[in-house]
N, C-alpha and C. Protein backbone atom coordinates (compact mmCIF):
# COMPACT_ATOMS: atom_id res chain seq x y z
N MET A 1 -3.62 6.96 -8.84
CA MET A 1 -2.86 8.03 -8.23
C MET A 1 -2.02 7.54 -7.05
N LEU A 2 -2.29 6.35 -6.55
CA LEU A 2 -1.59 5.88 -5.38
C LEU A 2 -0.21 5.32 -5.68
N SER A 3 0.03 4.94 -6.90
CA SER A 3 1.24 4.23 -7.26
C SER A 3 2.51 5.06 -7.05
N ARG A 4 3.57 4.37 -6.66
CA ARG A 4 4.88 4.99 -6.54
C ARG A 4 5.50 5.17 -7.92
N LYS A 5 5.19 4.25 -8.82
CA LYS A 5 5.73 4.27 -10.17
C LYS A 5 4.72 4.87 -11.13
N GLU A 6 5.20 5.32 -12.26
CA GLU A 6 4.31 5.80 -13.32
C GLU A 6 3.60 4.58 -13.90
N GLN A 7 2.27 4.58 -13.89
CA GLN A 7 1.50 3.44 -14.35
C GLN A 7 0.59 3.85 -15.50
N THR A 8 0.44 2.95 -16.47
CA THR A 8 -0.47 3.21 -17.58
C THR A 8 -1.75 2.38 -17.45
N LEU A 9 -1.69 1.33 -16.64
CA LEU A 9 -2.85 0.46 -16.44
C LEU A 9 -3.51 0.75 -15.09
N ARG A 10 -4.78 0.42 -15.00
CA ARG A 10 -5.51 0.58 -13.74
C ARG A 10 -5.01 -0.41 -12.70
N ALA A 11 -5.18 -0.03 -11.47
CA ALA A 11 -4.83 -0.92 -10.37
C ALA A 11 -5.85 -2.04 -10.25
N ASN A 12 -5.39 -3.19 -9.82
CA ASN A 12 -6.26 -4.30 -9.46
C ASN A 12 -6.30 -4.36 -7.94
N PHE A 13 -7.49 -4.28 -7.37
CA PHE A 13 -7.62 -4.31 -5.92
C PHE A 13 -7.55 -5.74 -5.43
N PHE A 14 -6.86 -5.93 -4.30
CA PHE A 14 -6.85 -7.23 -3.66
C PHE A 14 -8.26 -7.54 -3.18
N PRO A 15 -8.59 -8.81 -3.06
CA PRO A 15 -9.94 -9.17 -2.59
C PRO A 15 -10.24 -8.55 -1.23
N LYS A 16 -11.49 -8.15 -1.06
CA LYS A 16 -11.92 -7.53 0.20
C LYS A 16 -11.70 -8.48 1.38
N LYS A 17 -11.78 -9.77 1.11
CA LYS A 17 -11.57 -10.76 2.17
C LYS A 17 -10.15 -10.61 2.74
N TRP A 18 -9.17 -10.43 1.87
CA TRP A 18 -7.78 -10.30 2.33
C TRP A 18 -7.59 -9.00 3.10
N THR A 19 -8.09 -7.90 2.57
CA THR A 19 -7.91 -6.63 3.28
C THR A 19 -8.68 -6.64 4.60
N ALA A 20 -9.82 -7.32 4.65
CA ALA A 20 -10.57 -7.43 5.90
C ALA A 20 -9.77 -8.24 6.93
N GLU A 21 -9.09 -9.28 6.47
CA GLU A 21 -8.25 -10.07 7.38
C GLU A 21 -7.12 -9.22 7.96
N VAL A 22 -6.49 -8.41 7.12
CA VAL A 22 -5.41 -7.54 7.59
C VAL A 22 -5.96 -6.50 8.56
N LYS A 23 -7.11 -5.94 8.21
CA LYS A 23 -7.74 -4.96 9.10
C LYS A 23 -8.05 -5.59 10.46
N ASN A 24 -8.61 -6.79 10.45
CA ASN A 24 -8.93 -7.49 11.70
C ASN A 24 -7.67 -7.78 12.51
N LEU A 25 -6.61 -8.18 11.83
CA LEU A 25 -5.34 -8.44 12.51
C LEU A 25 -4.82 -7.17 13.18
N LEU A 26 -4.79 -6.06 12.43
CA LEU A 26 -4.29 -4.80 12.98
C LEU A 26 -5.19 -4.29 14.12
N GLU A 27 -6.51 -4.42 13.93
CA GLU A 27 -7.43 -3.99 14.99
C GLU A 27 -7.25 -4.84 16.25
N GLY A 28 -6.98 -6.12 16.07
CA GLY A 28 -6.74 -6.98 17.21
C GLY A 28 -5.48 -6.60 17.96
N LEU A 29 -4.44 -6.26 17.22
CA LEU A 29 -3.17 -5.89 17.84
C LEU A 29 -3.20 -4.51 18.48
N TYR A 30 -3.93 -3.58 17.86
CA TYR A 30 -3.85 -2.18 18.28
C TYR A 30 -5.18 -1.61 18.78
N LYS A 31 -6.12 -2.49 19.13
CA LYS A 31 -7.43 -2.02 19.59
C LYS A 31 -7.33 -1.08 20.80
N PRO A 32 -6.58 -1.44 21.84
CA PRO A 32 -6.53 -0.52 22.99
C PRO A 32 -6.01 0.88 22.61
N GLN A 33 -4.97 0.92 21.78
CA GLN A 33 -4.41 2.21 21.37
C GLN A 33 -5.39 2.99 20.49
N CYS A 34 -6.10 2.30 19.61
CA CYS A 34 -7.09 2.96 18.76
C CYS A 34 -8.26 3.46 19.59
N ASP A 35 -8.71 2.64 20.54
CA ASP A 35 -9.85 3.03 21.37
C ASP A 35 -9.54 4.29 22.18
N VAL A 36 -8.35 4.36 22.75
CA VAL A 36 -7.96 5.53 23.56
C VAL A 36 -8.00 6.80 22.72
N ARG A 37 -7.62 6.68 21.45
CA ARG A 37 -7.55 7.86 20.58
C ARG A 37 -8.77 7.99 19.67
N ASP A 38 -9.76 7.14 19.84
CA ASP A 38 -10.96 7.15 19.00
C ASP A 38 -10.62 7.04 17.52
N LEU A 39 -9.77 6.07 17.20
CA LEU A 39 -9.36 5.84 15.81
C LEU A 39 -9.89 4.51 15.31
N TYR A 40 -10.05 4.44 13.99
CA TYR A 40 -10.32 3.15 13.35
C TYR A 40 -9.39 3.02 12.16
N ILE A 41 -9.25 1.79 11.68
CA ILE A 41 -8.26 1.46 10.64
C ILE A 41 -8.98 1.12 9.34
N GLU A 42 -8.45 1.64 8.24
CA GLU A 42 -8.88 1.24 6.89
C GLU A 42 -7.67 0.70 6.16
N VAL A 43 -7.86 -0.36 5.37
CA VAL A 43 -6.77 -1.01 4.65
C VAL A 43 -7.11 -1.08 3.17
N TYR A 44 -6.14 -0.74 2.33
CA TYR A 44 -6.30 -0.80 0.87
C TYR A 44 -5.08 -1.52 0.32
N ALA A 45 -5.29 -2.43 -0.63
CA ALA A 45 -4.18 -3.15 -1.26
C ALA A 45 -4.46 -3.28 -2.75
N VAL A 46 -3.48 -2.87 -3.56
CA VAL A 46 -3.64 -2.93 -5.01
C VAL A 46 -2.37 -3.46 -5.65
N THR A 47 -2.55 -4.01 -6.84
CA THR A 47 -1.40 -4.45 -7.62
C THR A 47 -1.44 -3.81 -9.00
N TYR A 48 -0.27 -3.64 -9.53
CA TYR A 48 -0.04 -3.25 -10.92
C TYR A 48 0.87 -4.32 -11.49
N PRO A 49 1.09 -4.35 -12.80
CA PRO A 49 1.97 -5.40 -13.34
C PRO A 49 3.36 -5.43 -12.70
N ASN A 50 3.87 -4.28 -12.27
CA ASN A 50 5.24 -4.22 -11.75
C ASN A 50 5.34 -3.69 -10.32
N GLU A 51 4.20 -3.58 -9.64
CA GLU A 51 4.22 -2.98 -8.31
C GLU A 51 3.04 -3.47 -7.48
N ILE A 52 3.28 -3.55 -6.18
CA ILE A 52 2.21 -3.87 -5.24
C ILE A 52 2.21 -2.77 -4.18
N LEU A 53 1.01 -2.34 -3.79
CA LEU A 53 0.90 -1.20 -2.89
C LEU A 53 -0.09 -1.52 -1.77
N LEU A 54 0.29 -1.16 -0.56
CA LEU A 54 -0.55 -1.33 0.61
C LEU A 54 -0.66 0.03 1.29
N ALA A 55 -1.88 0.43 1.63
CA ALA A 55 -2.09 1.69 2.33
C ALA A 55 -2.99 1.43 3.53
N VAL A 56 -2.58 1.97 4.67
CA VAL A 56 -3.35 1.81 5.90
C VAL A 56 -3.54 3.19 6.51
N SER A 57 -4.80 3.53 6.75
CA SER A 57 -5.12 4.83 7.33
C SER A 57 -5.70 4.66 8.73
N LEU A 58 -5.31 5.59 9.60
CA LEU A 58 -5.92 5.72 10.92
C LEU A 58 -6.84 6.91 10.85
N LEU A 59 -8.14 6.65 11.01
CA LEU A 59 -9.15 7.70 10.88
C LEU A 59 -9.86 7.92 12.21
N ASP A 60 -10.39 9.12 12.38
CA ASP A 60 -11.08 9.51 13.61
C ASP A 60 -12.51 8.95 13.61
N LYS A 61 -12.86 8.20 14.65
CA LYS A 61 -14.21 7.63 14.77
C LYS A 61 -15.28 8.69 14.99
N LEU A 62 -14.91 9.79 15.63
CA LEU A 62 -15.90 10.78 16.05
C LEU A 62 -16.06 11.93 15.07
N ASN A 63 -15.08 12.15 14.21
CA ASN A 63 -15.13 13.29 13.31
C ASN A 63 -14.52 12.90 11.96
N GLU A 64 -15.37 12.65 10.98
CA GLU A 64 -14.88 12.19 9.68
C GLU A 64 -14.09 13.25 8.93
N THR A 65 -14.15 14.50 9.37
CA THR A 65 -13.38 15.55 8.70
C THR A 65 -11.97 15.71 9.26
N THR A 66 -11.65 14.97 10.33
CA THR A 66 -10.30 15.00 10.87
C THR A 66 -9.35 14.35 9.87
N ILE A 67 -8.23 14.99 9.64
CA ILE A 67 -7.26 14.47 8.67
C ILE A 67 -6.62 13.19 9.22
N PRO A 68 -6.63 12.11 8.44
CA PRO A 68 -6.08 10.85 8.93
C PRO A 68 -4.55 10.82 8.89
N VAL A 69 -4.02 9.78 9.47
CA VAL A 69 -2.61 9.44 9.33
C VAL A 69 -2.58 8.21 8.44
N THR A 70 -1.80 8.27 7.36
CA THR A 70 -1.77 7.17 6.41
C THR A 70 -0.35 6.69 6.17
N TYR A 71 -0.17 5.40 6.26
CA TYR A 71 1.10 4.74 5.97
C TYR A 71 0.92 4.00 4.65
N MET A 72 1.80 4.27 3.69
CA MET A 72 1.75 3.58 2.40
C MET A 72 3.05 2.86 2.17
N ALA A 73 2.97 1.62 1.69
CA ALA A 73 4.16 0.83 1.39
C ALA A 73 4.02 0.25 -0.02
N SER A 74 5.11 0.28 -0.76
CA SER A 74 5.11 -0.17 -2.14
C SER A 74 6.34 -1.04 -2.37
N ALA A 75 6.15 -2.12 -3.13
CA ALA A 75 7.28 -2.99 -3.49
C ALA A 75 7.18 -3.35 -4.96
N ASP A 76 8.34 -3.52 -5.58
CA ASP A 76 8.38 -3.97 -6.97
C ASP A 76 7.93 -5.42 -7.02
N MET A 77 7.28 -5.78 -8.12
CA MET A 77 6.82 -7.16 -8.31
C MET A 77 7.59 -7.79 -9.46
N ALA A 78 8.18 -8.94 -9.18
CA ALA A 78 8.81 -9.74 -10.23
C ALA A 78 7.74 -10.68 -10.79
N ASP A 79 7.98 -11.17 -11.99
CA ASP A 79 6.98 -11.99 -12.69
C ASP A 79 6.49 -13.19 -11.88
N LYS A 80 7.39 -13.92 -11.26
CA LYS A 80 6.98 -15.16 -10.60
C LYS A 80 6.80 -15.01 -9.09
N GLU A 81 6.78 -13.79 -8.61
CA GLU A 81 6.60 -13.55 -7.19
C GLU A 81 5.13 -13.67 -6.80
N ASN A 82 4.89 -14.22 -5.63
CA ASN A 82 3.53 -14.31 -5.11
C ASN A 82 3.18 -12.97 -4.48
N PRO A 83 2.17 -12.26 -5.00
CA PRO A 83 1.83 -10.95 -4.45
C PRO A 83 1.41 -10.99 -2.99
N GLU A 84 0.80 -12.10 -2.55
CA GLU A 84 0.39 -12.19 -1.15
C GLU A 84 1.61 -12.25 -0.22
N ASP A 85 2.68 -12.94 -0.66
CA ASP A 85 3.90 -12.98 0.16
C ASP A 85 4.47 -11.57 0.32
N THR A 86 4.50 -10.83 -0.78
CA THR A 86 5.01 -9.46 -0.72
C THR A 86 4.11 -8.60 0.15
N LEU A 87 2.80 -8.73 0.00
CA LEU A 87 1.89 -7.96 0.84
C LEU A 87 2.07 -8.29 2.32
N ASN A 88 2.30 -9.55 2.64
CA ASN A 88 2.52 -9.93 4.02
C ASN A 88 3.77 -9.25 4.59
N LEU A 89 4.81 -9.12 3.77
CA LEU A 89 6.01 -8.39 4.21
C LEU A 89 5.68 -6.91 4.44
N LEU A 90 4.86 -6.35 3.57
CA LEU A 90 4.47 -4.95 3.73
C LEU A 90 3.61 -4.77 4.98
N VAL A 91 2.80 -5.78 5.30
CA VAL A 91 2.02 -5.73 6.53
C VAL A 91 2.97 -5.69 7.73
N ASP A 92 4.04 -6.47 7.67
CA ASP A 92 5.03 -6.44 8.76
C ASP A 92 5.59 -5.03 8.93
N SER A 93 5.79 -4.33 7.82
CA SER A 93 6.33 -2.97 7.93
C SER A 93 5.34 -2.03 8.62
N ILE A 94 4.05 -2.31 8.50
CA ILE A 94 3.04 -1.50 9.19
C ILE A 94 3.24 -1.60 10.70
N GLY A 95 3.58 -2.78 11.15
CA GLY A 95 3.81 -2.98 12.58
C GLY A 95 4.88 -2.04 13.11
N PHE A 96 5.97 -1.87 12.35
CA PHE A 96 7.03 -0.95 12.78
C PHE A 96 6.49 0.47 12.89
N PHE A 97 5.70 0.86 11.89
CA PHE A 97 5.13 2.21 11.92
C PHE A 97 4.17 2.38 13.10
N PHE A 98 3.24 1.43 13.26
CA PHE A 98 2.25 1.53 14.33
C PHE A 98 2.92 1.57 15.71
N GLU A 99 3.95 0.75 15.89
CA GLU A 99 4.65 0.75 17.19
C GLU A 99 5.18 2.14 17.51
N ASN A 100 5.77 2.80 16.52
CA ASN A 100 6.28 4.16 16.74
C ASN A 100 5.15 5.16 16.93
N PHE A 101 4.12 5.05 16.13
CA PHE A 101 3.00 5.98 16.23
C PHE A 101 2.32 5.87 17.60
N PHE A 102 2.03 4.66 18.01
CA PHE A 102 1.31 4.47 19.26
C PHE A 102 2.20 4.60 20.50
N ALA A 103 3.51 4.70 20.31
CA ALA A 103 4.41 4.95 21.43
C ALA A 103 4.26 6.37 21.95
N LEU A 104 3.67 7.24 21.14
CA LEU A 104 3.44 8.62 21.57
C LEU A 104 2.31 8.66 22.60
N ASP A 105 2.39 9.60 23.49
CA ASP A 105 1.31 9.84 24.44
C ASP A 105 0.04 10.13 23.66
N GLU A 106 -1.13 9.68 24.14
CA GLU A 106 -2.37 9.85 23.36
C GLU A 106 -2.73 11.31 23.10
N ASN A 107 -2.22 12.23 23.90
CA ASN A 107 -2.50 13.65 23.68
C ASN A 107 -1.46 14.33 22.80
N GLN A 108 -0.45 13.56 22.43
CA GLN A 108 0.64 14.09 21.62
C GLN A 108 0.41 13.67 20.18
N ASP A 109 0.72 14.54 19.25
CA ASP A 109 0.59 14.21 17.84
C ASP A 109 1.98 13.99 17.29
N PHE A 110 2.05 13.28 16.18
CA PHE A 110 3.33 13.13 15.50
C PHE A 110 3.88 14.50 15.16
N ASP A 111 5.17 14.66 15.31
CA ASP A 111 5.84 15.85 14.83
C ASP A 111 5.59 15.91 13.32
N GLU A 112 5.23 17.05 12.81
CA GLU A 112 4.90 17.18 11.39
C GLU A 112 6.03 16.72 10.47
N SER A 113 7.27 16.72 10.97
CA SER A 113 8.40 16.29 10.14
C SER A 113 8.35 14.80 9.83
N ILE A 114 7.52 14.03 10.57
CA ILE A 114 7.41 12.60 10.33
C ILE A 114 6.69 12.31 9.01
N TYR A 115 5.87 13.24 8.56
CA TYR A 115 5.14 13.03 7.32
C TYR A 115 6.09 13.21 6.16
N LEU A 116 6.16 12.20 5.31
CA LEU A 116 7.13 12.16 4.23
C LEU A 116 6.40 12.18 2.89
N ALA A 117 6.50 13.27 2.18
CA ALA A 117 5.81 13.39 0.90
C ALA A 117 6.44 12.50 -0.16
N ASP A 118 7.73 12.27 -0.04
CA ASP A 118 8.44 11.45 -1.02
C ASP A 118 8.63 10.03 -0.48
N TRP A 119 8.68 9.09 -1.39
CA TRP A 119 8.88 7.70 -1.02
C TRP A 119 10.27 7.52 -0.43
N GLN A 120 10.35 6.77 0.67
CA GLN A 120 11.60 6.43 1.33
C GLN A 120 11.88 4.96 1.11
N GLU A 121 13.16 4.62 0.94
CA GLU A 121 13.53 3.23 0.70
C GLU A 121 13.87 2.55 2.02
N SER A 122 13.48 1.28 2.15
CA SER A 122 13.78 0.51 3.35
C SER A 122 13.78 -0.98 2.99
N LYS A 123 14.00 -1.83 4.00
CA LYS A 123 13.95 -3.28 3.81
C LYS A 123 13.20 -3.91 4.97
N VAL A 124 12.49 -4.97 4.65
CA VAL A 124 11.89 -5.82 5.67
C VAL A 124 12.14 -7.26 5.23
N LYS A 125 12.71 -8.04 6.13
CA LYS A 125 13.06 -9.44 5.83
C LYS A 125 13.81 -9.55 4.51
N ASN A 126 14.79 -8.69 4.30
CA ASN A 126 15.66 -8.65 3.12
C ASN A 126 14.95 -8.33 1.81
N LYS A 127 13.73 -7.84 1.89
CA LYS A 127 13.00 -7.41 0.69
C LYS A 127 12.95 -5.89 0.68
N GLU A 128 13.44 -5.32 -0.40
CA GLU A 128 13.41 -3.86 -0.53
C GLU A 128 11.99 -3.39 -0.79
N PHE A 129 11.62 -2.31 -0.14
CA PHE A 129 10.32 -1.69 -0.37
C PHE A 129 10.46 -0.20 -0.15
N HIS A 130 9.41 0.53 -0.46
CA HIS A 130 9.36 1.98 -0.27
C HIS A 130 8.14 2.31 0.58
N TYR A 131 8.24 3.39 1.34
CA TYR A 131 7.11 3.79 2.17
C TYR A 131 7.05 5.31 2.24
N LYS A 132 5.87 5.78 2.60
CA LYS A 132 5.69 7.19 2.93
C LYS A 132 4.58 7.30 3.95
N ILE A 133 4.62 8.38 4.70
CA ILE A 133 3.63 8.64 5.74
C ILE A 133 3.00 9.98 5.42
N SER A 134 1.69 9.99 5.30
CA SER A 134 1.04 11.23 4.86
C SER A 134 -0.24 11.47 5.65
N ARG A 135 -0.90 12.53 5.30
CA ARG A 135 -2.20 12.86 5.88
C ARG A 135 -3.30 12.61 4.85
N GLU A 136 -2.98 11.86 3.80
CA GLU A 136 -3.94 11.60 2.72
C GLU A 136 -5.06 10.68 3.19
N ASN A 137 -6.27 11.00 2.78
CA ASN A 137 -7.42 10.14 3.02
C ASN A 137 -7.58 9.27 1.78
N ILE A 138 -7.11 8.03 1.87
CA ILE A 138 -7.09 7.13 0.71
C ILE A 138 -8.49 6.88 0.18
N GLY A 139 -9.46 6.73 1.06
CA GLY A 139 -10.85 6.52 0.62
C GLY A 139 -11.33 7.66 -0.26
N LEU A 140 -11.03 8.90 0.13
CA LEU A 140 -11.43 10.06 -0.68
C LEU A 140 -10.64 10.11 -1.99
N THR A 141 -9.37 9.74 -1.94
CA THR A 141 -8.56 9.71 -3.16
C THR A 141 -9.15 8.73 -4.17
N LEU A 142 -9.54 7.55 -3.69
CA LEU A 142 -10.11 6.54 -4.58
C LEU A 142 -11.45 6.99 -5.15
N MET A 143 -12.26 7.67 -4.32
CA MET A 143 -13.54 8.19 -4.83
C MET A 143 -13.29 9.27 -5.89
N ALA A 144 -12.33 10.13 -5.67
CA ALA A 144 -12.00 11.18 -6.66
C ALA A 144 -11.50 10.55 -7.95
N ASP A 145 -10.64 9.53 -7.84
CA ASP A 145 -10.16 8.84 -9.04
C ASP A 145 -11.29 8.22 -9.82
N ALA A 146 -12.25 7.62 -9.12
CA ALA A 146 -13.40 6.99 -9.79
C ALA A 146 -14.24 8.05 -10.51
N LEU A 147 -14.45 9.20 -9.87
CA LEU A 147 -15.21 10.29 -10.51
C LEU A 147 -14.49 10.81 -11.75
N LEU A 148 -13.17 10.97 -11.65
CA LEU A 148 -12.39 11.42 -12.81
C LEU A 148 -12.44 10.40 -13.93
N ASP A 149 -12.37 9.12 -13.56
CA ASP A 149 -12.42 8.05 -14.55
C ASP A 149 -13.77 8.05 -15.27
N GLU A 150 -14.86 8.26 -14.50
CA GLU A 150 -16.20 8.32 -15.10
C GLU A 150 -16.33 9.50 -16.07
N SER A 151 -15.77 10.63 -15.69
CA SER A 151 -15.90 11.81 -16.53
C SER A 151 -15.07 11.71 -17.82
N ASN A 152 -14.07 10.82 -17.83
CA ASN A 152 -13.23 10.63 -19.01
C ASN A 152 -13.80 9.59 -19.97
N HIS A 153 -14.91 8.96 -19.59
CA HIS A 153 -15.49 7.92 -20.48
C HIS A 153 -16.82 8.31 -20.98
């Protein structure tokens, strides 16, 4: 359900080691801002034959029912492209989002107009990608997908 494109095959998740490294990097860069707002970061990365997707959620440490802020980035994959190189570019795009998000006063929330239900096109280091900003809880979406998948088999 996370894909920007219509997919017929299941997603392949990037190794937990890689997503943990990205999470540690982001937590290192944005720890003071997360601590002030009682937020923690979750990172998800998946590939499809023709697409790579990265999703990063900011979740509330104190209240798991608080709706998160989620940044999702998607890029097309060419046959001979290294998916890690593309993911690293998408990680760079997270930095642009986090800088804007954390530039807000800690008591101020993003204007609701910042949430984009539709994919937006952009570029990072001359690589075209798409992004959206939502209130989706990716962890819950993945659990729901797994339950639906189980019920279909």
